[in-house]
Amino acid sequence: MSYVDGFVLPVPKKNLDAYRRLARKAGKIWREYGALAYMECVADDVTPGKLTSFPRSVKLKPDEVVVFSWIVYTSRAHRDRVNKKVMADPRLKMDPKTMPFDGKRMIWGGFKGLVEL
């Protein structure tokens, strides 16, 4: 059963191209270090819910779009090994001041597989 890191974050629409460039670079690095899959998706059919929703989860502003992403690994141990290498890689600079999104409103976490078909 796979292990997945999942992310939901707000990206200003004007920064979407910069975010795409960052995501392509990051994805190549994650895959180079062993991630099985790397996916970045931009919201197309998400509406604000009355209690919860993707837009509400990140306190989406009118000029932003939700990005939903995930990275797949063989196990949590595999994920921990890969992420340690990725975070040490100088090609991936994660300076909050220069990121094309608001990292304070990003949601992330690791998930054990429950059903895999």
PDB file of N, CA and C in Angstrom:
ATOM      1  N   MET A   1       0.841  -1.175   0.000  1.00  0.00           N
ATOM      2  CA  MET A   1       0.000   0.000   0.000  1.00  0.00           C
ATOM      3  C   MET A   1       0.892   1.246   0.000  1.00  0.00           C
ATOM      4  N   SER A   2       0.600   2.192  -0.852  1.00  0.00           N
ATOM      5  CA  SER A   2       1.400   3.411  -0.999  1.00  0.00           C
ATOM      6  C   SER A   2       1.231   4.376   0.173  1.00  0.00           C
ATOM      7  N   TYR A   3       2.143   5.323   0.234  1.00  0.00           N
ATOM      8  CA  TYR A   3       2.079   6.425   1.186  1.00  0.00           C
ATOM      9  C   TYR A   3       2.030   7.701   0.354  1.00  0.00           C
ATOM     10  N   VAL A   4       1.219   8.673   0.764  1.00  0.00           N
ATOM     11  CA  VAL A   4       1.009   9.887  -0.030  1.00  0.00           C
ATOM     12  C   VAL A   4       1.170  11.127   0.834  1.00  0.00           C
ATOM     13  N   ASP A   5       1.910  12.094   0.338  1.00  0.00           N
ATOM     14  CA  ASP A   5       1.901  13.442   0.912  1.00  0.00           C
ATOM     15  C   ASP A   5       0.893  14.241   0.112  1.00  0.00           C
ATOM     16  N   GLY A   6      -0.029  14.925   0.801  1.00  0.00           N
ATOM     17  CA  GLY A   6      -1.038  15.727   0.125  1.00  0.00           C
ATOM     18  C   GLY A   6      -0.930  17.185   0.519  1.00  0.00           C
ATOM     19  N   PHE A   7      -1.287  18.067  -0.421  1.00  0.00           N
ATOM     20  CA  PHE A   7      -1.169  19.506  -0.220  1.00  0.00           C
ATOM     21  C   PHE A   7      -2.372  20.222  -0.824  1.00  0.00           C
ATOM     22  N   VAL A   8      -2.852  21.240  -0.147  1.00  0.00           N
ATOM     23  CA  VAL A   8      -3.865  22.146  -0.683  1.00  0.00           C
ATOM     24  C   VAL A   8      -3.370  23.551  -0.374  1.00  0.00           C
ATOM     25  N   LEU A   9      -3.316  24.425  -1.389  1.00  0.00           N
ATOM     26  CA  LEU A   9      -2.780  25.757  -1.167  1.00  0.00           C
ATOM     27  C   LEU A   9      -3.411  26.782  -2.091  1.00  0.00           C
ATOM     28  N   PRO A  10      -3.415  28.050  -1.661  1.00  0.00           N
ATOM     29  CA  PRO A  10      -3.927  29.120  -2.505  1.00  0.00           C
ATOM     30  C   PRO A  10      -2.787  29.732  -3.325  1.00  0.00           C
ATOM     31  N   VAL A  11      -3.044  29.931  -4.606  1.00  0.00           N
ATOM     32  CA  VAL A  11      -2.048  30.564  -5.466  1.00  0.00           C
ATOM     33  C   VAL A  11      -2.706  31.768  -6.143  1.00  0.00           C
ATOM     34  N   PRO A  12      -2.118  32.954  -6.022  1.00  0.00           N
ATOM     35  CA  PRO A  12      -2.672  34.094  -6.758  1.00  0.00           C
ATOM     36  C   PRO A  12      -2.680  33.781  -8.260  1.00  0.00           C
ATOM     37  N   LYS A  13      -3.780  34.116  -8.909  1.00  0.00           N
ATOM     38  CA  LYS A  13      -3.910  33.823 -10.342  1.00  0.00           C
ATOM     39  C   LYS A  13      -2.757  34.421 -11.138  1.00  0.00           C
ATOM     40  N   LYS A  14      -2.310  35.604 -10.745  1.00  0.00           N
ATOM     41  CA  LYS A  14      -1.209  36.251 -11.464  1.00  0.00           C
ATOM     42  C   LYS A  14       0.115  35.493 -11.288  1.00  0.00           C
ATOM     43  N   ASN A  15       0.210  34.612 -10.279  1.00  0.00           N
ATOM     44  CA  ASN A  15       1.438  33.851 -10.013  1.00  0.00           C
ATOM     45  C   ASN A  15       1.370  32.408 -10.510  1.00  0.00           C
ATOM     46  N   LEU A  16       0.311  32.064 -11.211  1.00  0.00           N
ATOM     47  CA  LEU A  16       0.133  30.672 -11.605  1.00  0.00           C
ATOM     48  C   LEU A  16       1.254  30.168 -12.512  1.00  0.00           C
ATOM     49  N   ASP A  17       1.731  30.997 -13.435  1.00  0.00           N
ATOM     50  CA  ASP A  17       2.844  30.562 -14.293  1.00  0.00           C
ATOM     51  C   ASP A  17       4.114  30.347 -13.474  1.00  0.00           C
ATOM     52  N   ALA A  18       4.388  31.241 -12.534  1.00  0.00           N
ATOM     53  CA  ALA A  18       5.570  31.076 -11.674  1.00  0.00           C
ATOM     54  C   ALA A  18       5.423  29.824 -10.818  1.00  0.00           C
ATOM     55  N   TYR A  19       4.209  29.577 -10.329  1.00  0.00           N
ATOM     56  CA  TYR A  19       3.980  28.369  -9.531  1.00  0.00           C
ATOM     57  C   TYR A  19       4.191  27.120 -10.392  1.00  0.00           C
ATOM     58  N   ARG A  20       3.704  27.147 -11.617  1.00  0.00           N
ATOM     59  CA  ARG A  20       3.877  26.005 -12.528  1.00  0.00           C
ATOM     60  C   ARG A  20       5.362  25.719 -12.746  1.00  0.00           C
ATOM     61  N   ARG A  21       6.153  26.760 -12.953  1.00  0.00           N
ATOM     62  CA  ARG A  21       7.601  26.565 -13.136  1.00  0.00           C
ATOM     63  C   ARG A  21       8.227  25.932 -11.891  1.00  0.00           C
ATOM     64  N   LEU A  22       7.857  26.451 -10.721  1.00  0.00           N
ATOM     65  CA  LEU A  22       8.366  25.895  -9.464  1.00  0.00           C
ATOM     66  C   LEU A  22       7.940  24.435  -9.306  1.00  0.00           C
ATOM     67  N   ALA A  23       6.692  24.138  -9.605  1.00  0.00           N
ATOM     68  CA  ALA A  23       6.171  22.777  -9.460  1.00  0.00           C
ATOM     69  C   ALA A  23       6.878  21.803 -10.412  1.00  0.00           C
ATOM     70  N   ARG A  24       7.120  22.227 -11.631  1.00  0.00           N
ATOM     71  CA  ARG A  24       7.847  21.356 -12.581  1.00  0.00           C
ATOM     72  C   ARG A  24       9.243  21.047 -12.068  1.00  0.00           C
ATOM     73  N   LYS A  25       9.916  22.073 -11.591  1.00  0.00           N
ATOM     74  CA  LYS A  25      11.266  21.894 -11.047  1.00  0.00           C
ATOM     75  C   LYS A  25      11.221  20.976  -9.830  1.00  0.00           C
ATOM     76  N   ALA A  26      10.299  21.251  -8.904  1.00  0.00           N
ATOM     77  CA  ALA A  26      10.185  20.439  -7.691  1.00  0.00           C
ATOM     78  C   ALA A  26       9.842  18.995  -8.033  1.00  0.00           C
ATOM     79  N   GLY A  27       8.908  18.804  -8.949  1.00  0.00           N
ATOM     80  CA  GLY A  27       8.508  17.455  -9.334  1.00  0.00           C
ATOM     81  C   GLY A  27       9.666  16.650  -9.889  1.00  0.00           C
ATOM     82  N   LYS A  28      10.474  17.271 -10.709  1.00  0.00           N
ATOM     83  CA  LYS A  28      11.650  16.572 -11.268  1.00  0.00           C
ATOM     84  C   LYS A  28      12.609  16.159 -10.150  1.00  0.00           C
ATOM     85  N   ILE A  29      12.782  17.030  -9.175  1.00  0.00           N
ATOM     86  CA  ILE A  29      13.687  16.719  -8.062  1.00  0.00           C
ATOM     87  C   ILE A  29      13.106  15.593  -7.212  1.00  0.00           C
ATOM     88  N   TRP A  30      11.820  15.670  -6.870  1.00  0.00           N
ATOM     89  CA  TRP A  30      11.200  14.599  -6.079  1.00  0.00           C
ATOM     90  C   TRP A  30      11.318  13.265  -6.811  1.00  0.00           C
ATOM     91  N   ARG A  31      11.035  13.256  -8.111  1.00  0.00           N
ATOM     92  CA  ARG A  31      11.116  12.003  -8.874  1.00  0.00           C
ATOM     93  C   ARG A  31      12.556  11.497  -8.954  1.00  0.00           C
ATOM     94  N   GLU A  32      13.498  12.417  -9.111  1.00  0.00           N
ATOM     95  CA  GLU A  32      14.916  12.044  -9.155  1.00  0.00           C
ATOM     96  C   GLU A  32      15.328  11.307  -7.884  1.00  0.00           C
ATOM     97  N   TYR A  33      14.780  11.718  -6.739  1.00  0.00           N
ATOM     98  CA  TYR A  33      15.133  11.100  -5.468  1.00  0.00           C
ATOM     99  C   TYR A  33      14.246   9.915  -5.103  1.00  0.00           C
ATOM    100  N   GLY A  34      13.335   9.539  -5.991  1.00  0.00           N
ATOM    101  CA  GLY A  34      12.628   8.292  -5.773  1.00  0.00           C
ATOM    102  C   GLY A  34      11.131   8.340  -5.602  1.00  0.00           C
ATOM    103  N   ALA A  35      10.506   9.528  -5.592  1.00  0.00           N
ATOM    104  CA  ALA A  35       9.046   9.565  -5.508  1.00  0.00           C
ATOM    105  C   ALA A  35       8.460   8.824  -6.708  1.00  0.00           C
ATOM    106  N   LEU A  36       7.397   8.076  -6.466  1.00  0.00           N
ATOM    107  CA  LEU A  36       6.778   7.285  -7.531  1.00  0.00           C
ATOM    108  C   LEU A  36       5.939   8.133  -8.467  1.00  0.00           C
ATOM    109  N   ALA A  37       5.309   9.168  -7.945  1.00  0.00           N
ATOM    110  CA  ALA A  37       4.471  10.056  -8.751  1.00  0.00           C
ATOM    111  C   ALA A  37       4.422  11.415  -8.085  1.00  0.00           C
ATOM    112  N   TYR A  38       4.240  12.443  -8.907  1.00  0.00           N
ATOM    113  CA  TYR A  38       4.154  13.824  -8.429  1.00  0.00           C
ATOM    114  C   TYR A  38       3.072  14.498  -9.259  1.00  0.00           C
ATOM    115  N   MET A  39       2.069  15.054  -8.611  1.00  0.00           N
ATOM    116  CA  MET A  39       0.931  15.633  -9.331  1.00  0.00           C
ATOM    117  C   MET A  39       0.560  16.987  -8.746  1.00  0.00           C
ATOM    118  N   GLU A  40       0.339  17.970  -9.597  1.00  0.00           N
ATOM    119  CA  GLU A  40      -0.123  19.307  -9.215  1.00  0.00           C
ATOM    120  C   GLU A  40      -1.367  19.608 -10.050  1.00  0.00           C
ATOM    121  N   CYS A  41      -2.452  19.974  -9.396  1.00  0.00           N
ATOM    122  CA  CYS A  41      -3.721  20.234 -10.076  1.00  0.00           C
ATOM    123  C   CYS A  41      -4.268  21.588  -9.656  1.00  0.00           C
ATOM    124  N   VAL A  42      -4.847  22.310 -10.623  1.00  0.00           N
ATOM    125  CA  VAL A  42      -5.461  23.597 -10.326  1.00  0.00           C
ATOM    126  C   VAL A  42      -6.979  23.421 -10.313  1.00  0.00           C
ATOM    127  N   ALA A  43      -7.642  24.069  -9.376  1.00  0.00           N
ATOM    128  CA  ALA A  43      -9.087  23.923  -9.210  1.00  0.00           C
ATOM    129  C   ALA A  43      -9.830  24.286 -10.490  1.00  0.00           C
ATOM    130  N   ASP A  44     -10.799  23.452 -10.816  1.00  0.00           N
ATOM    131  CA  ASP A  44     -11.634  23.681 -11.984  1.00  0.00           C
ATOM    132  C   ASP A  44     -13.114  23.646 -11.606  1.00  0.00           C
ATOM    133  N   ASP A  45     -13.460  22.799 -10.655  1.00  0.00           N
ATOM    134  CA  ASP A  45     -14.850  22.637 -10.249  1.00  0.00           C
ATOM    135  C   ASP A  45     -14.916  22.511  -8.729  1.00  0.00           C
ATOM    136  N   VAL A  46     -14.600  23.593  -8.040  1.00  0.00           N
ATOM    137  CA  VAL A  46     -14.687  23.625  -6.578  1.00  0.00           C
ATOM    138  C   VAL A  46     -15.487  24.858  -6.182  1.00  0.00           C
ATOM    139  N   THR A  47     -16.499  24.664  -5.381  1.00  0.00           N
ATOM    140  CA  THR A  47     -17.314  25.779  -4.931  1.00  0.00           C
ATOM    141  C   THR A  47     -17.188  25.908  -3.420  1.00  0.00           C
ATOM    142  N   PRO A  48     -17.304  27.120  -2.923  1.00  0.00           N
ATOM    143  CA  PRO A  48     -17.264  27.293  -1.463  1.00  0.00           C
ATOM    144  C   PRO A  48     -18.453  26.586  -0.820  1.00  0.00           C
ATOM    145  N   GLY A  49     -18.179  25.794   0.184  1.00  0.00           N
ATOM    146  CA  GLY A  49     -19.243  25.112   0.898  1.00  0.00           C
ATOM    147  C   GLY A  49     -19.776  25.973   2.028  1.00  0.00           C
ATOM    148  N   LYS A  50     -20.862  25.522   2.645  1.00  0.00           N
ATOM    149  CA  LYS A  50     -21.421  26.267   3.774  1.00  0.00           C
ATOM    150  C   LYS A  50     -20.578  26.086   5.027  1.00  0.00           C
ATOM    151  N   LEU A  51     -20.011  24.901   5.201  1.00  0.00           N
ATOM    152  CA  LEU A  51     -19.181  24.638   6.376  1.00  0.00           C
ATOM    153  C   LEU A  51     -17.720  24.423   6.015  1.00  0.00           C
ATOM    154  N   THR A  52     -17.477  23.558   5.036  1.00  0.00           N
ATOM    155  CA  THR A  52     -16.107  23.272   4.619  1.00  0.00           C
ATOM    156  C   THR A  52     -16.046  23.152   3.104  1.00  0.00           C
ATOM    157  N   SER A  53     -14.863  23.340   2.559  1.00  0.00           N
ATOM    158  CA  SER A  53     -14.627  23.193   1.121  1.00  0.00           C
ATOM    159  C   SER A  53     -13.154  23.482   0.870  1.00  0.00           C
ATOM    160  N   PHE A  54     -12.706  23.187  -0.332  1.00  0.00           N
ATOM    161  CA  PHE A  54     -11.322  23.533  -0.670  1.00  0.00           C
ATOM    162  C   PHE A  54     -11.098  25.047  -0.572  1.00  0.00           C
ATOM    163  N   PRO A  55     -11.970  25.893  -1.137  1.00  0.00           N
ATOM    164  CA  PRO A  55     -11.740  27.335  -1.004  1.00  0.00           C
ATOM    165  C   PRO A  55     -11.724  27.803   0.458  1.00  0.00           C
ATOM    166  N   ARG A  56     -12.626  27.287   1.273  1.00  0.00           N
ATOM    167  CA  ARG A  56     -12.661  27.701   2.675  1.00  0.00           C
ATOM    168  C   ARG A  56     -11.425  27.205   3.431  1.00  0.00           C
ATOM    169  N   SER A  57     -10.938  26.044   3.069  1.00  0.00           N
ATOM    170  CA  SER A  57      -9.811  25.453   3.805  1.00  0.00           C
ATOM    171  C   SER A  57      -8.558  26.317   3.758  1.00  0.00           C
ATOM    172  N   VAL A  58      -8.382  27.075   2.667  1.00  0.00           N
ATOM    173  CA  VAL A  58      -7.192  27.915   2.523  1.00  0.00           C
ATOM    174  C   VAL A  58      -7.523  29.409   2.594  1.00  0.00           C
ATOM    175  N   LYS A  59      -8.762  29.715   3.001  1.00  0.00           N
ATOM    176  CA  LYS A  59      -9.213  31.113   3.068  1.00  0.00           C
ATOM    177  C   LYS A  59      -8.961  31.823   1.740  1.00  0.00           C
ATOM    178  N   LEU A  60      -9.456  31.195   0.671  1.00  0.00           N
ATOM    179  CA  LEU A  60      -9.229  31.672  -0.691  1.00  0.00           C
ATOM    180  C   LEU A  60      -9.731  33.096  -0.888  1.00  0.00           C
ATOM    181  N   LYS A  61      -8.893  33.913  -1.506  1.00  0.00           N
ATOM    182  CA  LYS A  61      -9.257  35.287  -1.841  1.00  0.00           C
ATOM    183  C   LYS A  61      -9.767  35.322  -3.292  1.00  0.00           C
ATOM    184  N   PRO A  62     -10.503  36.366  -3.675  1.00  0.00           N
ATOM    185  CA  PRO A  62     -11.088  36.419  -5.031  1.00  0.00           C
ATOM    186  C   PRO A  62     -10.073  36.331  -6.165  1.00  0.00           C
ATOM    187  N   ASP A  63      -8.850  36.770  -5.938  1.00  0.00           N
ATOM    188  CA  ASP A  63      -7.839  36.761  -6.996  1.00  0.00           C
ATOM    189  C   ASP A  63      -6.935  35.525  -6.937  1.00  0.00           C
ATOM    190  N   GLU A  64      -7.376  34.483  -6.237  1.00  0.00           N
ATOM    191  CA  GLU A  64      -6.573  33.273  -6.071  1.00  0.00           C
ATOM    192  C   GLU A  64      -7.307  32.051  -6.612  1.00  0.00           C
ATOM    193  N   VAL A  65      -6.547  30.978  -6.764  1.00  0.00           N
ATOM    194  CA  VAL A  65      -7.081  29.691  -7.174  1.00  0.00           C
ATOM    195  C   VAL A  65      -6.505  28.613  -6.253  1.00  0.00           C
ATOM    196  N   VAL A  66      -7.262  27.552  -6.036  1.00  0.00           N
ATOM    197  CA  VAL A  66      -6.810  26.449  -5.188  1.00  0.00           C
ATOM    198  C   VAL A  66      -5.958  25.491  -6.020  1.00  0.00           C
ATOM    199  N   VAL A  67      -4.849  25.073  -5.454  1.00  0.00           N
ATOM    200  CA  VAL A  67      -4.010  24.025  -6.047  1.00  0.00           C
ATOM    201  C   VAL A  67      -4.034  22.831  -5.105  1.00  0.00           C
ATOM    202  N   PHE A  68      -4.255  21.665  -5.681  1.00  0.00           N
ATOM    203  CA  PHE A  68      -4.320  20.395  -4.943  1.00  0.00           C
ATOM    204  C   PHE A  68      -3.207  19.525  -5.502  1.00  0.00           C
ATOM    205  N   SER A  69      -2.336  19.033  -4.624  1.00  0.00           N
ATOM    206  CA  SER A  69      -1.144  18.305  -5.068  1.00  0.00           C
ATOM    207  C   SER A  69      -0.914  17.069  -4.229  1.00  0.00           C
ATOM    208  N   TRP A  70      -0.217  16.106  -4.819  1.00  0.00           N
ATOM    209  CA  TRP A  70       0.175  14.947  -4.033  1.00  0.00           C
ATOM    210  C   TRP A  70       1.428  14.308  -4.621  1.00  0.00           C
ATOM    211  N   ILE A  71       2.141  13.624  -3.725  1.00  0.00           N
ATOM    212  CA  ILE A  71       3.364  12.906  -4.083  1.00  0.00           C
ATOM    213  C   ILE A  71       3.208  11.493  -3.531  1.00  0.00           C
ATOM    214  N   VAL A  72       3.541  10.498  -4.342  1.00  0.00           N
ATOM    215  CA  VAL A  72       3.343   9.100  -3.955  1.00  0.00           C
ATOM    216  C   VAL A  72       4.684   8.423  -3.688  1.00  0.00           C
ATOM    217  N   TYR A  73       4.701   7.620  -2.616  1.00  0.00           N
ATOM    218  CA  TYR A  73       5.888   6.871  -2.195  1.00  0.00           C
ATOM    219  C   TYR A  73       5.485   5.425  -1.919  1.00  0.00           C
ATOM    220  N   THR A  74       6.462   4.552  -1.724  1.00  0.00           N
ATOM    221  CA  THR A  74       6.154   3.158  -1.393  1.00  0.00           C
ATOM    222  C   THR A  74       5.723   2.992   0.055  1.00  0.00           C
ATOM    223  N   SER A  75       6.241   3.865   0.941  1.00  0.00           N
ATOM    224  CA  SER A  75       5.963   3.751   2.374  1.00  0.00           C
ATOM    225  C   SER A  75       6.328   5.065   3.053  1.00  0.00           C
ATOM    226  N   ARG A  76       5.997   5.180   4.331  1.00  0.00           N
ATOM    227  CA  ARG A  76       6.385   6.384   5.063  1.00  0.00           C
ATOM    228  C   ARG A  76       7.903   6.471   5.177  1.00  0.00           C
ATOM    229  N   ALA A  77       8.547   5.351   5.412  1.00  0.00           N
ATOM    230  CA  ALA A  77      10.013   5.361   5.513  1.00  0.00           C
ATOM    231  C   ALA A  77      10.636   5.839   4.202  1.00  0.00           C
ATOM    232  N   HIS A  78      10.078   5.371   3.083  1.00  0.00           N
ATOM    233  CA  HIS A  78      10.549   5.812   1.765  1.00  0.00           C
ATOM    234  C   HIS A  78      10.340   7.314   1.621  1.00  0.00           C
ATOM    235  N   ARG A  79       9.168   7.791   2.017  1.00  0.00           N
ATOM    236  CA  ARG A  79       8.865   9.226   1.953  1.00  0.00           C
ATOM    237  C   ARG A  79       9.850  10.026   2.779  1.00  0.00           C
ATOM    238  N   ASP A  80      10.140   9.563   3.991  1.00  0.00           N
ATOM    239  CA  ASP A  80      11.057  10.284   4.860  1.00  0.00           C
ATOM    240  C   ASP A  80      12.451  10.366   4.246  1.00  0.00           C
ATOM    241  N   ARG A  81      12.904   9.274   3.625  1.00  0.00           N
ATOM    242  CA  ARG A  81      14.225   9.271   2.964  1.00  0.00           C
ATOM    243  C   ARG A  81      14.251  10.237   1.784  1.00  0.00           C
ATOM    244  N   VAL A  82      13.217  10.171   0.951  1.00  0.00           N
ATOM    245  CA  VAL A  82      13.145  11.044  -0.231  1.00  0.00           C
ATOM    246  C   VAL A  82      13.092  12.509   0.201  1.00  0.00           C
ATOM    247  N   ASN A  83      12.205  12.839   1.142  1.00  0.00           N
ATOM    248  CA  ASN A  83      12.044  14.231   1.557  1.00  0.00           C
ATOM    249  C   ASN A  83      13.308  14.792   2.192  1.00  0.00           C
ATOM    250  N   LYS A  84      14.055  13.972   2.904  1.00  0.00           N
ATOM    251  CA  LYS A  84      15.314  14.431   3.499  1.00  0.00           C
ATOM    252  C   LYS A  84      16.282  14.875   2.397  1.00  0.00           C
ATOM    253  N   LYS A  85      16.349  14.086   1.327  1.00  0.00           N
ATOM    254  CA  LYS A  85      17.228  14.433   0.204  1.00  0.00           C
ATOM    255  C   LYS A  85      16.729  15.674  -0.521  1.00  0.00           C
ATOM    256  N   VAL A  86      15.424  15.742  -0.743  1.00  0.00           N
ATOM    257  CA  VAL A  86      14.844  16.889  -1.448  1.00  0.00           C
ATOM    258  C   VAL A  86      15.107  18.176  -0.674  1.00  0.00           C
ATOM    259  N   MET A  87      14.856  18.159   0.615  1.00  0.00           N
ATOM    260  CA  MET A  87      15.018  19.372   1.425  1.00  0.00           C
ATOM    261  C   MET A  87      16.472  19.830   1.511  1.00  0.00           C
ATOM    262  N   ALA A  88      17.408  18.918   1.305  1.00  0.00           N
ATOM    263  CA  ALA A  88      18.829  19.270   1.331  1.00  0.00           C
ATOM    264  C   ALA A  88      19.341  19.706  -0.047  1.00  0.00           C
ATOM    265  N   ASP A  89      18.529  19.542  -1.071  1.00  0.00           N
ATOM    266  CA  ASP A  89      18.955  19.850  -2.439  1.00  0.00           C
ATOM    267  C   ASP A  89      18.973  21.362  -2.657  1.00  0.00           C
ATOM    268  N   PRO A  90      20.125  21.922  -3.046  1.00  0.00           N
ATOM    269  CA  PRO A  90      20.216  23.376  -3.230  1.00  0.00           C
ATOM    270  C   PRO A  90      19.414  23.897  -4.423  1.00  0.00           C
ATOM    271  N   ARG A  91      18.993  23.017  -5.326  1.00  0.00           N
ATOM    272  CA  ARG A  91      18.207  23.461  -6.486  1.00  0.00           C
ATOM    273  C   ARG A  91      16.803  23.888  -6.090  1.00  0.00           C
ATOM    274  N   LEU A  92      16.340  23.420  -4.944  1.00  0.00           N
ATOM    275  CA  LEU A  92      14.977  23.733  -4.507  1.00  0.00           C
ATOM    276  C   LEU A  92      15.042  24.726  -3.346  1.00  0.00           C
ATOM    277  N   LYS A  93      14.946  25.987  -3.678  1.00  0.00           N
ATOM    278  CA  LYS A  93      14.994  27.029  -2.662  1.00  0.00           C
ATOM    279  C   LYS A  93      13.572  27.310  -2.192  1.00  0.00           C
ATOM    280  N   MET A  94      13.313  27.123  -0.910  1.00  0.00           N
ATOM    281  CA  MET A  94      11.975  27.302  -0.355  1.00  0.00           C
ATOM    282  C   MET A  94      11.947  28.517   0.568  1.00  0.00           C
ATOM    283  N   ASP A  95      12.294  29.674   0.052  1.00  0.00           N
ATOM    284  CA  ASP A  95      12.269  30.906   0.837  1.00  0.00           C
ATOM    285  C   ASP A  95      10.853  31.477   0.815  1.00  0.00           C
ATOM    286  N   PRO A  96      10.190  31.556   1.971  1.00  0.00           N
ATOM    287  CA  PRO A  96       8.806  32.054   2.011  1.00  0.00           C
ATOM    288  C   PRO A  96       8.642  33.445   1.392  1.00  0.00           C
ATOM    289  N   LYS A  97       9.693  34.238   1.396  1.00  0.00           N
ATOM    290  CA  LYS A  97       9.612  35.598   0.849  1.00  0.00           C
ATOM    291  C   LYS A  97       9.504  35.611  -0.674  1.00  0.00           C
ATOM    292  N   THR A  98       9.985  34.550  -1.322  1.00  0.00           N
ATOM    293  CA  THR A  98       9.982  34.541  -2.786  1.00  0.00           C
ATOM    294  C   THR A  98       9.048  33.488  -3.390  1.00  0.00           C
ATOM    295  N   MET A  99       8.308  32.792  -2.546  1.00  0.00           N
ATOM    296  CA  MET A  99       7.390  31.767  -3.051  1.00  0.00           C
ATOM    297  C   MET A  99       6.207  32.426  -3.759  1.00  0.00           C
ATOM    298  N   PRO A 100       5.683  31.811  -4.827  1.00  0.00           N
ATOM    299  CA  PRO A 100       4.557  32.405  -5.552  1.00  0.00           C
ATOM    300  C   PRO A 100       3.195  32.079  -4.931  1.00  0.00           C
ATOM    301  N   PHE A 101       3.172  31.761  -3.652  1.00  0.00           N
ATOM    302  CA  PHE A 101       1.927  31.468  -2.939  1.00  0.00           C
ATOM    303  C   PHE A 101       2.129  31.774  -1.453  1.00  0.00           C
ATOM    304  N   ASP A 102       1.027  31.806  -0.715  1.00  0.00           N
ATOM    305  CA  ASP A 102       1.072  32.087   0.718  1.00  0.00           C
ATOM    306  C   ASP A 102       1.195  30.768   1.480  1.00  0.00           C
ATOM    307  N   GLY A 103       2.393  30.427   1.882  1.00  0.00           N
ATOM    308  CA  GLY A 103       2.649  29.167   2.573  1.00  0.00           C
ATOM    309  C   GLY A 103       1.976  29.060   3.931  1.00  0.00           C
ATOM    310  N   LYS A 104       1.604  30.191   4.514  1.00  0.00           N
ATOM    311  CA  LYS A 104       0.924  30.143   5.817  1.00  0.00           C
ATOM    312  C   LYS A 104      -0.478  29.556   5.703  1.00  0.00           C
ATOM    313  N   ARG A 105      -1.046  29.583   4.495  1.00  0.00           N
ATOM    314  CA  ARG A 105      -2.389  29.040   4.302  1.00  0.00           C
ATOM    315  C   ARG A 105      -2.369  27.684   3.593  1.00  0.00           C
ATOM    316  N   MET A 106      -1.185  27.109   3.433  1.00  0.00           N
ATOM    317  CA  MET A 106      -1.065  25.789   2.822  1.00  0.00           C
ATOM    318  C   MET A 106      -1.392  24.716   3.859  1.00  0.00           C
ATOM    319  N   ILE A 107      -2.105  23.696   3.419  1.00  0.00           N
ATOM    320  CA  ILE A 107      -2.421  22.544   4.266  1.00  0.00           C
ATOM    321  C   ILE A 107      -1.649  21.360   3.691  1.00  0.00           C
ATOM    322  N   TRP A 108      -1.013  20.573   4.549  1.00  0.00           N
ATOM    323  CA  TRP A 108      -0.293  19.403   4.061  1.00  0.00           C
ATOM    324  C   TRP A 108      -0.293  18.316   5.116  1.00  0.00           C
ATOM    325  N   GLY A 109      -0.013  17.120   4.666  1.00  0.00           N
ATOM    326  CA  GLY A 109       0.088  16.006   5.587  1.00  0.00           C
ATOM    327  C   GLY A 109       0.421  14.724   4.852  1.00  0.00           C
ATOM    328  N   GLY A 110       0.833  13.726   5.625  1.00  0.00           N
ATOM    329  CA  GLY A 110       1.143  12.408   5.095  1.00  0.00           C
ATOM    330  C   GLY A 110       0.004  11.445   5.375  1.00  0.00           C
ATOM    331  N   PHE A 111      -0.273  10.565   4.406  1.00  0.00           N
ATOM    332  CA  PHE A 111      -1.414   9.663   4.485  1.00  0.00           C
ATOM    333  C   PHE A 111      -1.023   8.233   4.130  1.00  0.00           C
ATOM    334  N   LYS A 112      -1.417   7.295   4.990  1.00  0.00           N
ATOM    335  CA  LYS A 112      -1.252   5.873   4.705  1.00  0.00           C
ATOM    336  C   LYS A 112      -2.379   5.448   3.768  1.00  0.00           C
ATOM    337  N   GLY A 113      -2.064   4.564   2.840  1.00  0.00           N
ATOM    338  CA  GLY A 113      -3.094   4.079   1.938  1.00  0.00           C
ATOM    339  C   GLY A 113      -4.176   3.313   2.676  1.00  0.00           C
ATOM    340  N   LEU A 114      -5.402   3.463   2.220  1.00  0.00           N
ATOM    341  CA  LEU A 114      -6.539   2.747   2.799  1.00  0.00           C
ATOM    342  C   LEU A 114      -7.144   1.799   1.773  1.00  0.00           C
ATOM    343  N   VAL A 115      -7.323   2.297   0.553  1.00  0.00           N
ATOM    344  CA  VAL A 115      -7.799   1.477  -0.564  1.00  0.00           C
ATOM    345  C   VAL A 115      -6.953   1.845  -1.765  1.00  0.00           C
ATOM    346  N   GLU A 116      -6.445   0.869  -2.467  1.00  0.00           N
ATOM    347  CA  GLU A 116      -5.636   1.106  -3.651  1.00  0.00           C
ATOM    348  C   GLU A 116      -6.051   0.105  -4.717  1.00  0.00           C
ATOM    349  N   LEU A 117      -6.603   0.589  -5.800  1.00  0.00           N
ATOM    350  CA  LEU A 117      -7.109  -0.292  -6.872  1.00  0.00           C
ATOM    351  C   LEU A 117      -6.294  -0.134  -8.134  1.00  0.00           C
TER     352      LEU A 117
END
